[in-house]
Structure formats: structure tokens, C-alpha cells
């Protein structure tokens, strides 16, 4: 029976499941960072310069061009089905 006054150990099953929940929820991430005395930052990248943060919304993200799906030939019992 777990003690309600003690947090679960980090490597226990309960601790791992709670870490997953915290990792998925931005509000909980922010609260955890504040409790550890850290500054929470929503943008996570290799470049944390102020210029990158200020211009992040101006980045034009491109989608790959629409490509036709490849057509695969199905072979059943040694015979192609599209013949």
C-alpha cells in the first residue's frame, strides 16, 4: 500500500506513468520546472537564441508535394493479380 504523503519513486511503474502524463501536458511541465527552480520554455530546439524565439512564428513550414502512391503488384500462388 503506497503512502499518500510520499511521491512515488521515479523508476517505479507509478512514477513512470506519472512522468508520461507530465511530459504530455504543458501546464504540468511548467509547474514541475517552477518547483525545481527552473524557467519553463515552450520552444524546445537546438537554437534557443532570442532572435529564433522572436521569429519562430514567421517560419514558413512547407509540405511535401502530393505524390501518387506507389502501385504494388500482388502475387498469390506464383501469379500476379493485375494480369
N, C-alpha and C. Protein backbone atom coordinates (compact mmCIF):
# COMPACT_ATOMS: atom_id res chain seq x y z
N UNK A 1 0.85 -1.18 0.00
CA UNK A 1 0.00 0.00 0.00
C UNK A 1 0.89 1.24 0.00
N UNK A 2 0.63 2.16 -0.93
CA UNK A 2 1.51 3.32 -1.03
C UNK A 2 1.10 4.39 -0.02
N UNK A 3 2.09 5.09 0.44
CA UNK A 3 1.86 6.17 1.39
C UNK A 3 1.50 7.42 0.59
N UNK A 4 0.39 8.05 0.90
CA UNK A 4 -0.11 9.20 0.12
C UNK A 4 0.73 10.46 0.36
N UNK A 5 1.58 10.45 1.38
CA UNK A 5 2.38 11.63 1.67
C UNK A 5 3.72 11.62 0.96
N UNK A 6 4.12 10.48 0.45
CA UNK A 6 5.39 10.35 -0.26
C UNK A 6 5.13 10.23 -1.77
N UNK A 7 5.88 10.95 -2.59
CA UNK A 7 5.72 10.77 -4.04
C UNK A 7 6.27 9.41 -4.44
N UNK A 8 5.77 8.83 -5.53
CA UNK A 8 6.28 7.53 -5.95
C UNK A 8 7.72 7.65 -6.42
N UNK A 9 8.46 6.56 -6.31
CA UNK A 9 9.85 6.56 -6.77
C UNK A 9 9.86 6.72 -8.29
N UNK A 10 10.86 7.39 -8.78
CA UNK A 10 10.91 7.75 -10.20
C UNK A 10 10.96 6.51 -11.12
N UNK A 11 11.62 5.45 -10.70
CA UNK A 11 11.77 4.26 -11.54
C UNK A 11 10.66 3.25 -11.35
N UNK A 12 9.72 3.52 -10.46
CA UNK A 12 8.61 2.58 -10.27
C UNK A 12 7.61 2.73 -11.41
N UNK A 13 6.71 1.77 -11.53
CA UNK A 13 5.70 1.81 -12.60
C UNK A 13 4.81 3.05 -12.45
N UNK A 14 4.43 3.35 -11.22
CA UNK A 14 3.57 4.52 -10.99
C UNK A 14 4.33 5.81 -11.32
N UNK A 15 5.61 5.86 -10.97
CA UNK A 15 6.42 7.04 -11.26
C UNK A 15 6.59 7.26 -12.75
N UNK A 16 6.80 6.17 -13.49
CA UNK A 16 6.95 6.28 -14.94
C UNK A 16 5.66 6.74 -15.61
N UNK A 17 4.52 6.23 -15.13
CA UNK A 17 3.25 6.64 -15.73
C UNK A 17 2.97 8.11 -15.44
N UNK A 18 3.33 8.57 -14.24
CA UNK A 18 3.14 9.98 -13.92
C UNK A 18 4.06 10.87 -14.75
N UNK A 19 5.29 10.42 -15.01
CA UNK A 19 6.21 11.18 -15.84
C UNK A 19 5.66 11.32 -17.26
N UNK A 20 5.03 10.27 -17.78
CA UNK A 20 4.44 10.35 -19.12
C UNK A 20 3.34 11.39 -19.16
N UNK A 21 2.52 11.43 -18.12
CA UNK A 21 1.43 12.40 -18.06
C UNK A 21 1.99 13.82 -18.01
N UNK A 22 3.01 14.02 -17.18
CA UNK A 22 3.62 15.34 -17.07
C UNK A 22 4.26 15.74 -18.39
N UNK A 23 4.90 14.81 -19.07
CA UNK A 23 5.57 15.10 -20.32
C UNK A 23 4.59 15.52 -21.41
N UNK A 24 3.35 15.01 -21.38
CA UNK A 24 2.35 15.32 -22.40
C UNK A 24 1.59 16.62 -22.12
N UNK A 25 1.62 17.11 -20.89
CA UNK A 25 0.82 18.26 -20.50
C UNK A 25 1.70 19.48 -20.26
N UNK A 26 1.58 20.52 -21.10
CA UNK A 26 2.43 21.71 -20.94
C UNK A 26 2.27 22.39 -19.58
N UNK A 27 1.06 22.43 -19.05
CA UNK A 27 0.84 23.07 -17.77
C UNK A 27 1.61 22.35 -16.66
N UNK A 28 1.57 21.02 -16.68
CA UNK A 28 2.28 20.26 -15.65
C UNK A 28 3.79 20.38 -15.83
N UNK A 29 4.26 20.47 -17.07
CA UNK A 29 5.69 20.69 -17.31
C UNK A 29 6.13 22.02 -16.68
N UNK A 30 5.30 23.03 -16.88
CA UNK A 30 5.62 24.35 -16.35
C UNK A 30 5.65 24.33 -14.83
N UNK A 31 4.69 23.66 -14.22
CA UNK A 31 4.64 23.59 -12.75
C UNK A 31 5.84 22.82 -12.21
N UNK A 32 6.25 21.73 -12.89
CA UNK A 32 7.40 20.96 -12.43
C UNK A 32 8.67 21.80 -12.54
N UNK A 33 8.82 22.54 -13.64
CA UNK A 33 10.00 23.38 -13.81
C UNK A 33 10.07 24.44 -12.73
N UNK A 34 8.93 25.06 -12.41
CA UNK A 34 8.90 26.08 -11.37
C UNK A 34 9.23 25.49 -9.99
N UNK A 35 8.76 24.27 -9.73
CA UNK A 35 9.04 23.66 -8.43
C UNK A 35 10.51 23.30 -8.28
N UNK A 36 11.21 23.08 -9.43
CA UNK A 36 12.63 22.78 -9.39
C UNK A 36 13.48 24.04 -9.50
N UNK A 37 12.82 25.20 -9.56
CA UNK A 37 13.54 26.46 -9.65
C UNK A 37 14.06 26.77 -11.04
N UNK A 38 13.49 26.16 -12.06
CA UNK A 38 13.92 26.37 -13.44
C UNK A 38 12.92 27.27 -14.16
N UNK A 39 13.35 27.82 -15.29
CA UNK A 39 12.47 28.63 -16.10
C UNK A 39 11.90 27.76 -17.21
N UNK A 40 10.58 27.71 -17.33
CA UNK A 40 9.92 26.89 -18.35
C UNK A 40 9.94 27.61 -19.67
N UNK A 41 10.25 26.88 -20.75
CA UNK A 41 10.27 27.44 -22.08
C UNK A 41 9.51 26.49 -23.00
N UNK A 42 8.50 27.00 -23.71
CA UNK A 42 7.68 26.16 -24.58
C UNK A 42 8.43 25.72 -25.83
N UNK A 43 9.29 26.55 -26.36
CA UNK A 43 10.02 26.22 -27.58
C UNK A 43 11.25 25.40 -27.20
N UNK A 44 11.32 24.20 -27.74
CA UNK A 44 12.47 23.35 -27.48
C UNK A 44 13.18 23.11 -28.80
N UNK A 45 14.39 23.62 -28.91
CA UNK A 45 15.16 23.43 -30.14
C UNK A 45 16.63 23.54 -29.79
N UNK A 46 17.46 23.28 -30.77
CA UNK A 46 18.90 23.39 -30.57
C UNK A 46 19.30 24.86 -30.48
N UNK A 47 18.55 25.74 -31.12
CA UNK A 47 18.86 27.16 -31.13
C UNK A 47 17.87 27.88 -30.22
N UNK A 48 18.30 28.29 -29.05
CA UNK A 48 17.42 28.97 -28.11
C UNK A 48 17.71 30.46 -28.04
N UNK A 49 18.24 31.02 -29.13
CA UNK A 49 18.54 32.45 -29.13
C UNK A 49 17.25 33.26 -29.14
N UNK A 50 17.33 34.49 -28.69
CA UNK A 50 16.16 35.36 -28.65
C UNK A 50 15.65 35.65 -30.05
N UNK A 51 16.56 35.77 -31.01
CA UNK A 51 16.16 36.04 -32.39
C UNK A 51 15.31 34.89 -32.94
N UNK A 52 15.69 33.65 -32.63
CA UNK A 52 14.92 32.48 -33.08
C UNK A 52 13.54 32.49 -32.45
N UNK A 53 13.46 32.79 -31.16
CA UNK A 53 12.17 32.80 -30.47
C UNK A 53 11.26 33.90 -31.01
N UNK A 54 11.83 35.06 -31.31
CA UNK A 54 11.02 36.17 -31.82
C UNK A 54 10.48 35.89 -33.22
N UNK A 55 11.25 35.19 -34.04
CA UNK A 55 10.86 34.97 -35.43
C UNK A 55 10.29 33.59 -35.69
N UNK A 56 10.03 32.82 -34.66
CA UNK A 56 9.54 31.45 -34.81
C UNK A 56 8.22 31.41 -35.58
N UNK A 57 7.33 32.35 -35.30
CA UNK A 57 6.02 32.37 -35.97
C UNK A 57 6.12 32.75 -37.45
N UNK A 58 7.23 33.31 -37.87
CA UNK A 58 7.39 33.73 -39.26
C UNK A 58 7.92 32.61 -40.15
N UNK A 59 8.31 31.49 -39.58
CA UNK A 59 8.85 30.38 -40.37
C UNK A 59 7.74 29.82 -41.25
N UNK A 60 8.02 29.67 -42.53
CA UNK A 60 7.05 29.10 -43.45
C UNK A 60 7.35 27.61 -43.58
N UNK A 61 6.53 26.81 -42.94
CA UNK A 61 6.72 25.37 -42.99
C UNK A 61 6.13 24.86 -44.29
N UNK A 62 6.86 24.05 -45.00
CA UNK A 62 6.39 23.54 -46.28
C UNK A 62 5.97 22.09 -46.15
N UNK A 63 4.99 21.73 -46.94
CA UNK A 63 4.53 20.35 -47.00
C UNK A 63 5.11 19.73 -48.26
N UNK A 64 5.43 18.45 -48.23
CA UNK A 64 5.93 17.81 -49.46
C UNK A 64 4.84 17.82 -50.53
N UNK A 65 5.28 17.89 -51.78
CA UNK A 65 4.31 17.90 -52.87
C UNK A 65 3.54 16.59 -52.88
N UNK A 66 2.30 16.68 -53.36
CA UNK A 66 1.46 15.49 -53.41
C UNK A 66 2.04 14.51 -54.41
N UNK A 67 2.35 13.32 -53.93
CA UNK A 67 2.89 12.29 -54.81
C UNK A 67 1.89 11.15 -54.89
N UNK A 68 1.81 10.56 -56.08
CA UNK A 68 0.92 9.43 -56.26
C UNK A 68 1.48 8.24 -55.49
N UNK A 69 0.58 7.48 -54.87
CA UNK A 69 1.01 6.31 -54.12
C UNK A 69 1.63 5.29 -55.06
N UNK A 70 2.68 4.61 -54.62
CA UNK A 70 3.26 3.58 -55.48
C UNK A 70 2.29 2.42 -55.65
N UNK A 71 2.32 1.83 -56.82
CA UNK A 71 1.43 0.70 -57.09
C UNK A 71 2.23 -0.57 -56.92
N UNK A 72 1.79 -1.41 -56.03
CA UNK A 72 2.46 -2.66 -55.77
C UNK A 72 1.74 -3.80 -56.49
N UNK A 73 2.51 -4.72 -56.98
CA UNK A 73 1.93 -5.87 -57.64
C UNK A 73 1.77 -6.96 -56.59
N UNK A 74 0.59 -7.57 -56.57
CA UNK A 74 0.29 -8.62 -55.60
C UNK A 74 0.44 -9.97 -56.28
N UNK A 75 1.21 -10.84 -55.62
CA UNK A 75 1.46 -12.16 -56.18
C UNK A 75 0.86 -13.21 -55.23
N UNK A 76 -0.07 -14.01 -55.74
CA UNK A 76 -0.68 -15.07 -54.96
C UNK A 76 -0.48 -16.38 -55.71
N UNK A 77 0.10 -17.33 -55.01
CA UNK A 77 0.39 -18.64 -55.59
C UNK A 77 1.19 -18.55 -56.88
N UNK A 78 2.13 -17.63 -56.92
CA UNK A 78 3.02 -17.52 -58.07
C UNK A 78 2.47 -16.73 -59.23
N UNK A 79 1.25 -16.18 -59.13
CA UNK A 79 0.64 -15.43 -60.23
C UNK A 79 0.35 -13.98 -59.78
N UNK A 80 0.69 -13.04 -60.64
CA UNK A 80 0.37 -11.65 -60.34
C UNK A 80 -1.12 -11.43 -60.54
N UNK A 81 -1.74 -10.66 -59.65
CA UNK A 81 -3.19 -10.47 -59.68
C UNK A 81 -3.63 -9.37 -60.65
N UNK A 82 -2.72 -8.53 -61.10
CA UNK A 82 -3.11 -7.45 -62.01
C UNK A 82 -3.01 -7.85 -63.48
N UNK A 83 -2.65 -9.11 -63.79
CA UNK A 83 -2.56 -9.57 -65.18
C UNK A 83 -3.92 -9.90 -65.73
